[in-house]
Amino acid sequence: MILFLLVIALVILSFIANYFHKYSLIFIIISAIIVLSCYFFIARYIHTPDSFIPAKQIQIYPLLGNYYNLLTESFKQGNMYIVDDTELQFLKDPNIYKTFPYYVNKNSNLIILQDLSYYNNKLYIYFGLTPLLLFYLPFNFVTNLFLSDNIVVLISSSYIFIISLFIIKNISKKITKTKIPIFIKFLTIILVGFCNYSLFLLIRPHTYEVAISLAGSLLLSSIFLFNKYNSKKQTPLLFLIGLLLSLSVGCRPQYILFIPLFIAAIIYIDSHNKINTKNIVLNNFIFLIPCLCYGVILGIYNILRFNSFFEFGFRYQLNSSKLSTWSFNFQDLFIGLKYYLFQYPILSSNFPIFSLAIPTGHSTGNELIVGIFYIFPMLLLLFFLPQIINYCLKIKNKNTFVFFVISIIIILCNLFISSVFGMTQRYVFEIVYLGIIVAILSFYYIYDKLSNNFYKNIANLTFILLFVFSIYINFSLLFCNNNAAFYVFSNNAEIYKKVLSFLS
């Protein structure tokens, strides 16, 4: 009940903001502060709060906490591996990839090794190099302290929130002619902050969450900057976009698939600006320079670890998923699509708090999850994208057209990859964080095209109802009973229980 009242209070505050429209900037700042304060509270106090403040010693916590600090220490000692099998004799088991769960059952402390990659008698970190280079190594070099995963996820999530608002602001100016009401803008900020699934990364800030959130922030930065590209004397901009995109690959290897999207976008915009073939090739070369350079660095890093330019350690991970023998199958794809898109939440014993469902049948993962159309129903507006894209072509706004096309391809790619590789809660973020931007822009476009006040009032009411449901269900799912399974190893379970009790 308290959670519901808090959501209604936000709606009331938005109407107050609409009434005092002369002070709209103040209310916009207030809404952003509400979101960022919540981010900080969750990152600081919910999970492993003792590790939040940087320390001189590395604090390792299950399941996958502080791996990047282990790698930082290894780099300082001139190594790329975490530990070898002389200290962990059980790793010498010739069938270790299959028998690892057996050793974990005998000694639960070994679960901290899960998802490390075992190769040639050594344990390596499977995760990408970019977070280490951007955060952990520089911070340790300057302060001689070890940065916490909590802080990195907090920084990345806060940046994603802010850059998302700038994208919405810039694109909405190009697809709308009428002014969007202040109360909708206010509620939009809250929606973006609380419904882009960043909360689920913040509440369990481990190594995967670091990689995913940082990859998202780098990719969004590339998209934001590309919207400013106009073909003329923008060599530094193209180089920066290429650099940011290549760094995202160092977080999530599959993001390499998005590099050809930007190449095609450069060719499209340059062609429509009547740039000659020589300069089109030159622009693409400038964009590709940082991609190729950082790609070589990542490739050499892979060779030094796994004797293969393209092997990040995926096949050598220690977990129960048998990734060493993994292969694509359509059944996993369809099971993943079913759960990621349509899995409905269930009512928990603490009515009316919703709970995440437990999916079954996938070859990997099967974590607690719920479909994105329940997390944020406004995503259904993505079905209007063909109409919006056609409008962008009609008004000859090339950059906005490119934005929507790139965005929908990235969303579909992430949905496909997530569905194939496992039912994992954090993967939902990679589907939603860009989808929520496009969905809200779709609403703005539809709102702008409504012919009279009656229809606009219906749209306003619909937006408010969707807002109430979306915020309520996101917080409900975040603190529901079965989600607490992630905090078995947390040293601050008490505050989690208090928050759950308060909200229900």
Protein backbone atom coordinates (compact mmCIF):
# COMPACT_ATOMS: atom_id res chain seq x y z
CA MET A 1 0.00 0.00 0.00
CA ILE A 2 2.82 2.40 0.83
CA LEU A 3 4.43 1.67 -2.53
CA PHE A 4 1.17 2.48 -4.31
CA LEU A 5 0.79 5.73 -2.36
CA LEU A 6 4.32 6.75 -3.27
CA VAL A 7 3.54 6.24 -6.96
CA ILE A 8 0.34 8.31 -6.65
CA ALA A 9 2.35 11.02 -4.88
CA LEU A 10 4.61 11.22 -7.93
CA VAL A 11 1.57 11.67 -10.18
CA ILE A 12 0.26 14.47 -7.93
CA LEU A 13 3.68 16.13 -7.95
CA SER A 14 3.65 16.01 -11.76
CA PHE A 15 0.31 17.89 -11.82
CA ILE A 16 1.76 20.50 -9.47
CA ALA A 17 4.68 20.85 -11.87
CA ASN A 18 2.23 21.33 -14.75
CA TYR A 19 0.41 24.07 -12.82
CA PHE A 20 3.63 25.95 -12.06
CA HIS A 21 4.90 25.62 -15.64
CA LYS A 22 7.10 28.71 -15.26
CA TYR A 23 9.22 26.68 -12.86
CA SER A 24 9.26 23.54 -14.97
CA LEU A 25 13.04 23.31 -14.88
CA ILE A 26 12.98 23.07 -11.09
CA PHE A 27 10.51 20.19 -11.19
CA ILE A 28 12.54 18.43 -13.88
CA ILE A 29 15.61 18.71 -11.65
CA ILE A 30 13.57 17.40 -8.70
CA SER A 31 12.44 14.36 -10.70
CA ALA A 32 16.02 13.61 -11.75
CA ILE A 33 17.20 13.93 -8.14
CA ILE A 34 14.49 11.48 -7.04
CA VAL A 35 15.78 8.90 -9.50
CA LEU A 36 19.49 9.41 -8.77
CA SER A 37 18.88 9.36 -5.01
CA CYS A 38 17.10 6.04 -5.35
CA TYR A 39 19.97 4.71 -7.45
CA PHE A 40 22.44 5.72 -4.76
CA PHE A 41 20.39 4.21 -1.93
CA ILE A 42 20.06 0.84 -3.68
CA ALA A 43 23.73 0.69 -4.72
CA ARG A 44 24.98 1.86 -1.34
CA TYR A 45 22.84 -0.03 1.15
CA ILE A 46 21.12 -3.09 -0.31
CA HIS A 47 23.84 -5.49 -1.48
CA THR A 48 27.28 -5.90 0.17
CA PRO A 49 27.30 -2.33 1.57
CA ASP A 50 30.65 -2.98 3.28
CA SER A 51 32.29 -3.21 -0.15
CA PHE A 52 30.83 0.04 -1.47
CA ILE A 53 33.57 2.34 -0.22
CA PRO A 54 36.93 1.75 -1.99
CA ALA A 55 39.39 -0.12 0.22
CA LYS A 56 43.02 -1.18 0.31
CA GLN A 57 42.06 -4.86 0.35
CA ILE A 58 40.01 -6.72 -2.25
CA GLN A 59 36.75 -8.00 -0.83
CA ILE A 60 35.48 -10.99 -2.78
CA TYR A 61 31.83 -11.92 -2.40
CA PRO A 62 29.59 -14.47 -4.14
CA LEU A 63 28.41 -14.91 -6.72
CA LEU A 64 30.62 -12.89 -9.06
CA GLY A 65 31.86 -9.95 -7.04
CA ASN A 66 35.02 -7.89 -7.54
CA TYR A 67 36.58 -9.99 -10.30
CA TYR A 68 37.88 -6.82 -11.96
CA ASN A 69 39.84 -5.97 -8.83
CA LEU A 70 41.40 -9.43 -8.91
CA LEU A 71 42.41 -8.75 -12.49
CA THR A 72 43.76 -5.34 -11.47
CA GLU A 73 46.00 -6.99 -8.89
CA SER A 74 47.10 -9.58 -11.45
CA PHE A 75 48.00 -6.90 -14.00
CA LYS A 76 50.08 -5.10 -11.38
CA GLN A 77 52.02 -8.34 -10.88
CA GLY A 78 52.50 -8.80 -14.63
CA ASN A 79 49.97 -11.65 -14.96
CA MET A 80 46.70 -12.06 -16.82
CA TYR A 81 45.37 -14.97 -14.82
CA ILE A 82 43.78 -14.91 -11.36
CA VAL A 83 45.15 -18.12 -9.91
CA ASP A 84 46.59 -21.41 -11.16
CA ASP A 85 45.65 -24.96 -10.27
CA THR A 86 48.59 -25.43 -7.88
CA GLU A 87 46.46 -23.63 -5.30
CA LEU A 88 43.22 -25.31 -6.38
CA GLN A 89 44.07 -28.95 -6.91
CA PHE A 90 40.53 -30.00 -7.81
CA LEU A 91 40.90 -28.09 -11.09
CA LYS A 92 43.23 -30.83 -12.31
CA ASP A 93 40.14 -33.03 -12.76
CA PRO A 94 40.17 -33.86 -16.52
CA ASN A 95 36.38 -33.42 -16.65
CA ILE A 96 36.33 -30.23 -14.61
CA TYR A 97 33.87 -28.40 -16.91
CA LYS A 98 31.28 -31.11 -16.21
CA THR A 99 32.18 -31.91 -12.61
CA PHE A 100 32.59 -28.34 -11.30
CA PRO A 101 29.01 -28.30 -9.87
CA TYR A 102 29.92 -31.45 -7.90
CA TYR A 103 32.85 -29.67 -6.21
CA VAL A 104 30.64 -26.67 -5.47
CA ASN A 105 28.14 -28.95 -3.75
CA LYS A 106 30.94 -30.28 -1.56
CA ASN A 107 32.32 -26.81 -0.82
CA SER A 108 29.90 -23.90 -1.34
CA ASN A 109 32.76 -21.38 -1.12
CA LEU A 110 33.89 -22.51 -4.55
CA ILE A 111 30.86 -20.82 -6.09
CA ILE A 112 32.96 -17.62 -6.28
CA LEU A 113 34.86 -19.33 -9.12
CA GLN A 114 31.71 -19.69 -11.21
CA ASP A 115 32.06 -18.11 -14.66
CA LEU A 116 35.80 -17.80 -14.42
CA SER A 117 37.48 -19.44 -17.42
CA TYR A 118 39.83 -22.36 -16.79
CA TYR A 119 42.42 -22.89 -19.51
CA ASN A 120 45.90 -24.35 -19.58
CA ASN A 121 46.06 -24.84 -15.79
CA LYS A 122 45.03 -21.25 -15.00
CA LEU A 123 41.87 -19.37 -14.11
CA TYR A 124 41.11 -16.27 -16.19
CA ILE A 125 38.38 -13.66 -16.09
CA TYR A 126 35.99 -14.20 -18.97
CA PHE A 127 34.62 -10.66 -18.80
CA GLY A 128 35.74 -7.88 -21.14
CA LEU A 129 38.75 -5.62 -20.70
CA THR A 130 37.08 -2.19 -21.01
CA PRO A 131 35.86 -1.73 -17.39
CA LEU A 132 39.35 -2.54 -16.17
CA LEU A 133 40.94 0.07 -18.44
CA LEU A 134 38.36 2.80 -17.85
CA PHE A 135 37.77 2.43 -14.10
CA TYR A 136 39.58 -0.13 -12.00
CA LEU A 137 43.20 0.23 -13.15
CA PRO A 138 43.24 4.07 -13.32
CA PHE A 139 41.51 4.37 -9.94
CA ASN A 140 43.94 1.94 -8.31
CA PHE A 141 46.92 3.66 -9.94
CA VAL A 142 45.89 7.08 -8.60
CA THR A 143 44.60 6.13 -5.13
CA ASN A 144 46.13 2.68 -4.47
CA LEU A 145 42.59 1.61 -3.51
CA PHE A 146 40.29 -0.96 -5.10
CA LEU A 147 37.12 0.44 -6.63
CA SER A 148 33.87 -1.39 -5.83
CA ASP A 149 31.55 -2.89 -8.43
CA ASN A 150 28.70 -1.03 -6.72
CA ILE A 151 30.19 2.35 -7.61
CA VAL A 152 30.92 1.44 -11.25
CA VAL A 153 27.36 0.16 -11.81
CA LEU A 154 26.03 3.27 -10.06
CA ILE A 155 28.05 5.57 -12.34
CA SER A 156 27.10 3.67 -15.50
CA SER A 157 23.40 3.47 -14.59
CA SER A 158 23.24 7.15 -13.68
CA TYR A 159 24.92 8.05 -16.96
CA ILE A 160 22.50 5.86 -18.94
CA PHE A 161 19.60 7.62 -17.22
CA ILE A 162 20.94 11.09 -18.06
CA ILE A 163 21.97 10.35 -21.65
CA SER A 164 18.57 8.70 -22.25
CA LEU A 165 16.86 11.96 -21.28
CA PHE A 166 19.05 13.94 -23.67
CA ILE A 167 18.25 11.52 -26.50
CA ILE A 168 14.52 11.83 -25.83
CA LYS A 169 14.76 15.61 -25.70
CA ASN A 170 16.71 15.89 -28.97
CA ILE A 171 14.69 13.37 -30.99
CA SER A 172 11.30 14.57 -29.73
CA LYS A 173 12.02 18.05 -31.12
CA LYS A 174 12.37 16.52 -34.57
CA ILE A 175 9.25 14.34 -34.60
CA THR A 176 6.78 16.60 -32.76
CA LYS A 177 5.40 20.07 -33.46
CA THR A 178 3.18 20.63 -30.42
CA LYS A 179 4.48 21.08 -26.90
CA ILE A 180 4.44 18.04 -24.63
CA PRO A 181 2.75 18.88 -21.27
CA ILE A 182 5.09 19.43 -18.33
CA PHE A 183 3.49 16.68 -16.25
CA ILE A 184 4.20 14.13 -19.00
CA LYS A 185 7.83 15.26 -19.15
CA PHE A 186 8.05 14.94 -15.37
CA LEU A 187 6.59 11.43 -15.42
CA THR A 188 8.81 10.53 -18.38
CA ILE A 189 11.93 11.22 -16.32
CA ILE A 190 10.66 8.96 -13.55
CA LEU A 191 9.72 6.25 -16.06
CA VAL A 192 13.12 6.29 -17.74
CA GLY A 193 14.88 6.15 -14.40
CA PHE A 194 12.86 3.36 -12.80
CA CYS A 195 11.71 1.24 -15.74
CA ASN A 196 14.86 0.77 -17.85
CA TYR A 197 15.89 -2.18 -15.64
CA SER A 198 18.92 -0.37 -14.22
CA LEU A 199 17.46 -0.96 -10.74
CA PHE A 200 17.92 -4.70 -11.22
CA LEU A 201 21.60 -4.18 -12.02
CA LEU A 202 22.08 -1.80 -9.09
CA ILE A 203 20.57 -4.17 -6.58
CA ARG A 204 23.00 -6.95 -7.54
CA PRO A 205 26.15 -5.13 -8.73
CA HIS A 206 28.49 -7.95 -9.73
CA THR A 207 30.98 -8.30 -12.56
CA TYR A 208 28.34 -9.11 -15.19
CA GLU A 209 26.33 -6.06 -14.13
CA VAL A 210 29.46 -3.90 -14.50
CA ALA A 211 30.03 -5.16 -18.05
CA ILE A 212 26.39 -4.84 -19.11
CA SER A 213 25.76 -1.38 -17.66
CA LEU A 214 29.03 0.06 -19.00
CA ALA A 215 28.40 -1.45 -22.45
CA GLY A 216 24.96 0.17 -22.47
CA SER A 217 26.35 3.57 -21.51
CA LEU A 218 29.00 3.43 -24.25
CA LEU A 219 26.54 2.29 -26.91
CA LEU A 220 24.01 4.99 -25.97
CA SER A 221 26.78 7.58 -26.14
CA SER A 222 27.59 6.43 -29.68
CA ILE A 223 23.94 6.70 -30.69
CA PHE A 224 23.59 10.13 -29.08
CA LEU A 225 26.67 11.51 -30.83
CA PHE A 226 25.79 9.98 -34.18
CA ASN A 227 22.56 11.95 -34.16
CA LYS A 228 24.76 15.05 -34.57
CA TYR A 229 26.64 13.69 -37.58
CA ASN A 230 26.17 15.64 -40.82
CA SER A 231 29.10 14.50 -43.04
CA LYS A 232 30.98 17.81 -43.04
CA LYS A 233 34.32 18.22 -41.29
CA GLN A 234 33.43 15.94 -38.40
CA THR A 235 36.50 13.73 -38.24
CA PRO A 236 36.85 14.00 -34.41
CA LEU A 237 33.17 13.10 -33.96
CA LEU A 238 33.43 9.99 -36.14
CA PHE A 239 36.60 8.92 -34.37
CA LEU A 240 34.97 9.37 -30.96
CA ILE A 241 31.88 7.41 -32.01
CA GLY A 242 34.09 4.58 -33.27
CA LEU A 243 36.11 4.63 -30.04
CA LEU A 244 33.03 4.46 -27.80
CA LEU A 245 31.51 1.67 -29.86
CA SER A 246 34.72 -0.35 -29.84
CA LEU A 247 35.00 0.08 -26.06
CA SER A 248 31.48 -1.33 -25.72
CA VAL A 249 32.71 -4.47 -27.51
CA GLY A 250 35.33 -4.77 -24.76
CA CYS A 251 32.43 -5.09 -22.32
CA ARG A 252 30.05 -7.27 -24.33
CA PRO A 253 31.69 -9.07 -27.31
CA GLN A 254 28.38 -9.39 -29.19
CA TYR A 255 28.26 -5.60 -29.54
CA ILE A 256 30.68 -6.03 -32.44
CA LEU A 257 27.54 -6.77 -34.46
CA PHE A 258 26.54 -3.11 -34.17
CA ILE A 259 29.66 -1.73 -35.87
CA PRO A 260 28.34 -2.58 -39.39
CA LEU A 261 25.12 -0.72 -38.48
CA PHE A 262 27.05 2.50 -38.01
CA ILE A 263 29.06 1.92 -41.19
CA ALA A 264 25.80 1.55 -43.13
CA ALA A 265 24.46 4.68 -41.41
CA ILE A 266 27.53 6.72 -42.42
CA ILE A 267 27.16 5.57 -46.02
CA TYR A 268 23.43 6.41 -45.98
CA ILE A 269 23.86 9.93 -44.57
CA ASP A 270 26.90 10.72 -46.73
CA SER A 271 25.12 9.55 -49.86
CA HIS A 272 22.09 11.74 -49.16
CA ASN A 273 24.40 14.66 -48.48
CA LYS A 274 25.93 14.04 -51.92
CA ILE A 275 29.39 13.25 -50.57
CA ASN A 276 31.64 11.64 -53.18
CA THR A 277 32.71 8.03 -52.89
CA LYS A 278 36.28 8.90 -51.87
CA ASN A 279 35.13 10.91 -48.86
CA ILE A 280 32.55 8.28 -47.88
CA VAL A 281 35.35 5.71 -47.76
CA LEU A 282 37.51 8.17 -45.81
CA ASN A 283 34.75 8.83 -43.25
CA ASN A 284 34.24 5.12 -42.71
CA PHE A 285 37.99 4.61 -42.36
CA ILE A 286 38.16 7.31 -39.67
CA PHE A 287 35.28 5.64 -37.85
CA LEU A 288 36.96 2.23 -38.11
CA ILE A 289 40.43 3.32 -36.91
CA PRO A 290 39.63 3.05 -33.18
CA CYS A 291 37.52 -0.07 -33.82
CA LEU A 292 40.43 -1.81 -35.52
CA CYS A 293 43.03 -0.61 -33.00
CA TYR A 294 41.04 -1.67 -29.96
CA GLY A 295 40.01 -4.86 -31.75
CA VAL A 296 43.69 -5.74 -32.17
CA ILE A 297 44.28 -5.04 -28.45
CA LEU A 298 41.40 -7.33 -27.49
CA GLY A 299 42.60 -9.97 -29.95
CA ILE A 300 46.15 -9.94 -28.54
CA TYR A 301 44.67 -10.12 -25.04
CA ASN A 302 42.71 -13.21 -26.12
CA ILE A 303 45.77 -14.82 -27.71
CA LEU A 304 47.83 -14.32 -24.55
CA ARG A 305 45.10 -16.00 -22.50
CA PHE A 306 43.48 -18.60 -24.77
CA ASN A 307 45.78 -18.85 -27.82
CA SER A 308 42.98 -17.59 -30.07
CA PHE A 309 42.32 -14.12 -31.43
CA PHE A 310 38.55 -14.46 -31.15
CA GLU A 311 38.24 -16.52 -27.94
CA PHE A 312 37.14 -14.50 -24.90
CA GLY A 313 36.93 -17.61 -22.71
CA PHE A 314 33.27 -18.39 -23.26
CA ARG A 315 33.86 -22.08 -23.92
CA TYR A 316 36.08 -22.50 -20.88
CA GLN A 317 33.78 -21.07 -18.21
CA LEU A 318 33.33 -22.99 -14.98
CA ASN A 319 29.62 -23.34 -14.37
CA SER A 320 26.82 -25.83 -14.63
CA SER A 321 25.75 -24.78 -18.12
CA LYS A 322 28.21 -27.00 -20.01
CA LEU A 323 29.19 -24.12 -22.26
CA SER A 324 32.13 -26.09 -23.62
CA THR A 325 29.63 -28.18 -25.58
CA TRP A 326 27.05 -25.44 -26.16
CA SER A 327 25.42 -25.17 -29.57
CA PHE A 328 22.59 -23.12 -31.00
CA ASN A 329 19.11 -24.60 -31.11
CA PHE A 330 15.77 -23.09 -32.09
CA GLN A 331 14.00 -24.46 -29.02
CA ASP A 332 16.08 -22.19 -26.76
CA LEU A 333 15.31 -19.22 -29.01
CA PHE A 334 11.54 -19.70 -28.82
CA ILE A 335 11.58 -20.43 -25.09
CA GLY A 336 13.60 -17.27 -24.56
CA LEU A 337 11.27 -15.14 -26.69
CA LYS A 338 8.28 -16.49 -24.78
CA TYR A 339 9.67 -15.60 -21.36
CA TYR A 340 11.46 -12.35 -22.23
CA LEU A 341 8.40 -10.93 -23.99
CA PHE A 342 5.27 -12.48 -22.50
CA GLN A 343 5.97 -14.14 -19.15
CA TYR A 344 3.43 -12.66 -16.73
CA PRO A 345 4.32 -11.82 -13.10
CA ILE A 346 2.70 -13.74 -10.26
CA LEU A 347 1.21 -12.50 -7.02
CA SER A 348 3.39 -13.19 -3.99
CA SER A 349 2.28 -14.01 -0.47
CA ASN A 350 2.78 -10.32 0.38
CA PHE A 351 -0.22 -9.20 -1.69
CA PRO A 352 -0.28 -6.95 -3.67
CA ILE A 353 3.46 -7.31 -4.31
CA PHE A 354 4.21 -9.09 -7.61
CA SER A 355 6.89 -11.76 -7.97
CA LEU A 356 9.20 -12.87 -10.74
CA ALA A 357 8.36 -16.18 -12.38
CA ILE A 358 10.83 -19.05 -12.70
CA PRO A 359 11.23 -20.05 -16.36
CA THR A 360 12.03 -23.63 -17.32
CA GLY A 361 13.21 -25.57 -20.33
CA HIS A 362 16.14 -23.46 -21.53
CA SER A 363 19.51 -25.17 -21.82
CA THR A 364 21.20 -22.35 -19.82
CA GLY A 365 20.03 -19.95 -17.15
CA ASN A 366 16.37 -20.23 -16.16
CA GLU A 367 16.60 -17.47 -13.55
CA LEU A 368 13.66 -15.56 -12.11
CA ILE A 369 12.26 -13.29 -14.81
CA VAL A 370 9.17 -11.53 -16.19
CA GLY A 371 8.23 -10.41 -19.72
CA ILE A 372 9.13 -6.90 -20.87
CA PHE A 373 5.54 -6.07 -21.88
CA TYR A 374 4.60 -6.40 -18.20
CA ILE A 375 7.64 -4.49 -16.98
CA PHE A 376 6.85 -1.56 -19.28
CA PRO A 377 3.62 -1.93 -21.30
CA MET A 378 4.40 1.22 -23.30
CA LEU A 379 6.86 -0.95 -25.24
CA LEU A 380 3.82 -2.10 -27.23
CA LEU A 381 4.02 1.31 -28.95
CA LEU A 382 7.08 0.03 -30.79
CA PHE A 383 4.59 -1.43 -33.27
CA PHE A 384 4.05 2.16 -34.44
CA LEU A 385 7.71 2.46 -35.44
CA PRO A 386 7.13 1.80 -39.17
CA GLN A 387 4.80 4.81 -39.23
CA ILE A 388 7.33 6.97 -37.37
CA ILE A 389 10.18 5.87 -39.62
CA ASN A 390 8.05 6.66 -42.68
CA TYR A 391 7.38 10.13 -41.22
CA CYS A 392 11.12 10.73 -40.79
CA LEU A 393 11.64 9.84 -44.45
CA LYS A 394 8.83 12.16 -45.46
CA ILE A 395 10.31 15.16 -43.66
CA LYS A 396 13.78 14.13 -44.90
CA ASN A 397 15.30 13.97 -41.43
CA LYS A 398 18.09 11.52 -42.09
CA ASN A 399 19.61 11.39 -38.61
CA THR A 400 16.29 10.71 -36.90
CA PHE A 401 15.49 8.01 -39.45
CA VAL A 402 18.89 6.42 -38.73
CA PHE A 403 18.29 6.67 -34.98
CA PHE A 404 15.04 4.70 -35.12
CA VAL A 405 16.36 2.09 -37.55
CA ILE A 406 19.56 1.50 -35.56
CA SER A 407 17.63 1.40 -32.29
CA ILE A 408 15.10 -1.20 -33.41
CA ILE A 409 17.84 -3.41 -34.93
CA ILE A 410 19.86 -3.24 -31.70
CA ILE A 411 16.78 -4.09 -29.61
CA LEU A 412 15.94 -7.07 -31.84
CA CYS A 413 19.57 -8.28 -31.86
CA ASN A 414 19.79 -8.11 -28.06
CA LEU A 415 16.45 -9.90 -27.77
CA PHE A 416 17.63 -12.65 -30.12
CA ILE A 417 21.02 -13.06 -28.42
CA SER A 418 19.50 -13.04 -24.93
CA SER A 419 16.88 -15.61 -25.92
CA VAL A 420 19.49 -17.96 -27.36
CA PHE A 421 22.08 -17.69 -24.58
CA GLY A 422 19.92 -18.09 -21.51
CA MET A 423 17.04 -17.05 -19.29
CA THR A 424 18.99 -14.58 -17.16
CA GLN A 425 17.41 -11.65 -15.36
CA ARG A 426 20.18 -9.15 -16.14
CA TYR A 427 19.78 -9.79 -19.89
CA VAL A 428 16.39 -8.04 -19.73
CA PHE A 429 18.28 -4.76 -19.29
CA GLU A 430 19.89 -5.08 -22.73
CA ILE A 431 16.45 -5.36 -24.32
CA VAL A 432 14.79 -2.58 -22.33
CA TYR A 433 17.28 0.27 -21.81
CA LEU A 434 17.03 1.42 -25.42
CA GLY A 435 13.48 0.17 -25.94
CA ILE A 436 12.08 2.49 -23.27
CA ILE A 437 13.58 5.52 -25.07
CA VAL A 438 12.02 4.54 -28.38
CA ALA A 439 8.68 3.67 -26.73
CA ILE A 440 8.39 7.07 -25.04
CA LEU A 441 9.33 8.82 -28.29
CA SER A 442 6.61 6.77 -29.99
CA PHE A 443 4.09 8.08 -27.45
CA TYR A 444 5.26 11.65 -28.06
CA TYR A 445 4.82 11.16 -31.80
CA ILE A 446 1.31 9.73 -31.43
CA TYR A 447 0.35 12.48 -28.95
CA ASP A 448 1.54 15.12 -31.41
CA LYS A 449 -0.62 13.70 -34.18
CA LEU A 450 -3.86 13.65 -32.16
CA SER A 451 -6.34 16.08 -33.69
CA ASN A 452 -8.27 17.49 -30.72
CA ASN A 453 -8.19 17.91 -26.95
CA PHE A 454 -10.57 15.01 -26.29
CA TYR A 455 -8.12 12.51 -27.76
CA LYS A 456 -5.21 14.24 -26.06
CA ASN A 457 -6.97 13.92 -22.69
CA ILE A 458 -7.46 10.21 -23.32
CA ALA A 459 -3.76 9.95 -24.17
CA ASN A 460 -2.88 11.83 -20.95
CA LEU A 461 -5.00 9.47 -18.87
CA THR A 462 -3.50 6.44 -20.60
CA PHE A 463 0.01 7.73 -19.94
CA ILE A 464 -0.77 8.22 -16.23
CA LEU A 465 -2.26 4.73 -15.88
CA LEU A 466 0.72 3.17 -17.65
CA PHE A 467 3.02 5.21 -15.42
CA VAL A 468 1.33 3.99 -12.23
CA PHE A 469 1.39 0.36 -13.34
CA SER A 470 4.98 0.47 -14.66
CA ILE A 471 6.53 2.13 -11.61
CA TYR A 472 4.54 -0.04 -9.23
CA ILE A 473 5.43 -3.32 -10.89
CA ASN A 474 9.14 -2.46 -11.31
CA PHE A 475 9.57 -1.72 -7.62
CA SER A 476 7.33 -4.62 -6.68
CA LEU A 477 9.43 -7.05 -8.71
CA LEU A 478 12.64 -5.53 -7.43
CA PHE A 479 11.83 -6.26 -3.80
CA CYS A 480 9.54 -9.27 -4.13
CA ASN A 481 10.09 -12.35 -1.99
CA ASN A 482 11.57 -14.67 -4.58
CA ASN A 483 13.93 -12.00 -5.87
CA ALA A 484 15.49 -12.13 -2.41
CA ALA A 485 17.05 -15.43 -3.51
CA PHE A 486 19.82 -13.28 -5.00
CA TYR A 487 20.73 -12.04 -1.51
CA VAL A 488 21.40 -15.34 0.22
CA PHE A 489 25.08 -14.42 0.29
CA SER A 490 24.51 -10.75 1.05
CA ASN A 491 25.78 -9.46 4.37
CA ASN A 492 22.90 -6.99 4.54
CA ALA A 493 19.78 -9.14 4.18
CA GLU A 494 18.15 -7.34 7.10
CA ILE A 495 17.75 -4.00 5.30
CA TYR A 496 16.38 -5.85 2.26
CA LYS A 497 13.68 -7.39 4.43
CA LYS A 498 12.90 -4.01 5.97
CA VAL A 499 12.47 -2.37 2.56
CA LEU A 500 10.22 -5.22 1.40
CA SER A 501 8.14 -4.94 4.54
CA PHE A 502 7.89 -1.16 4.16
CA LEU A 503 6.78 -1.26 0.52
CA SER A 504 4.16 -3.92 1.10
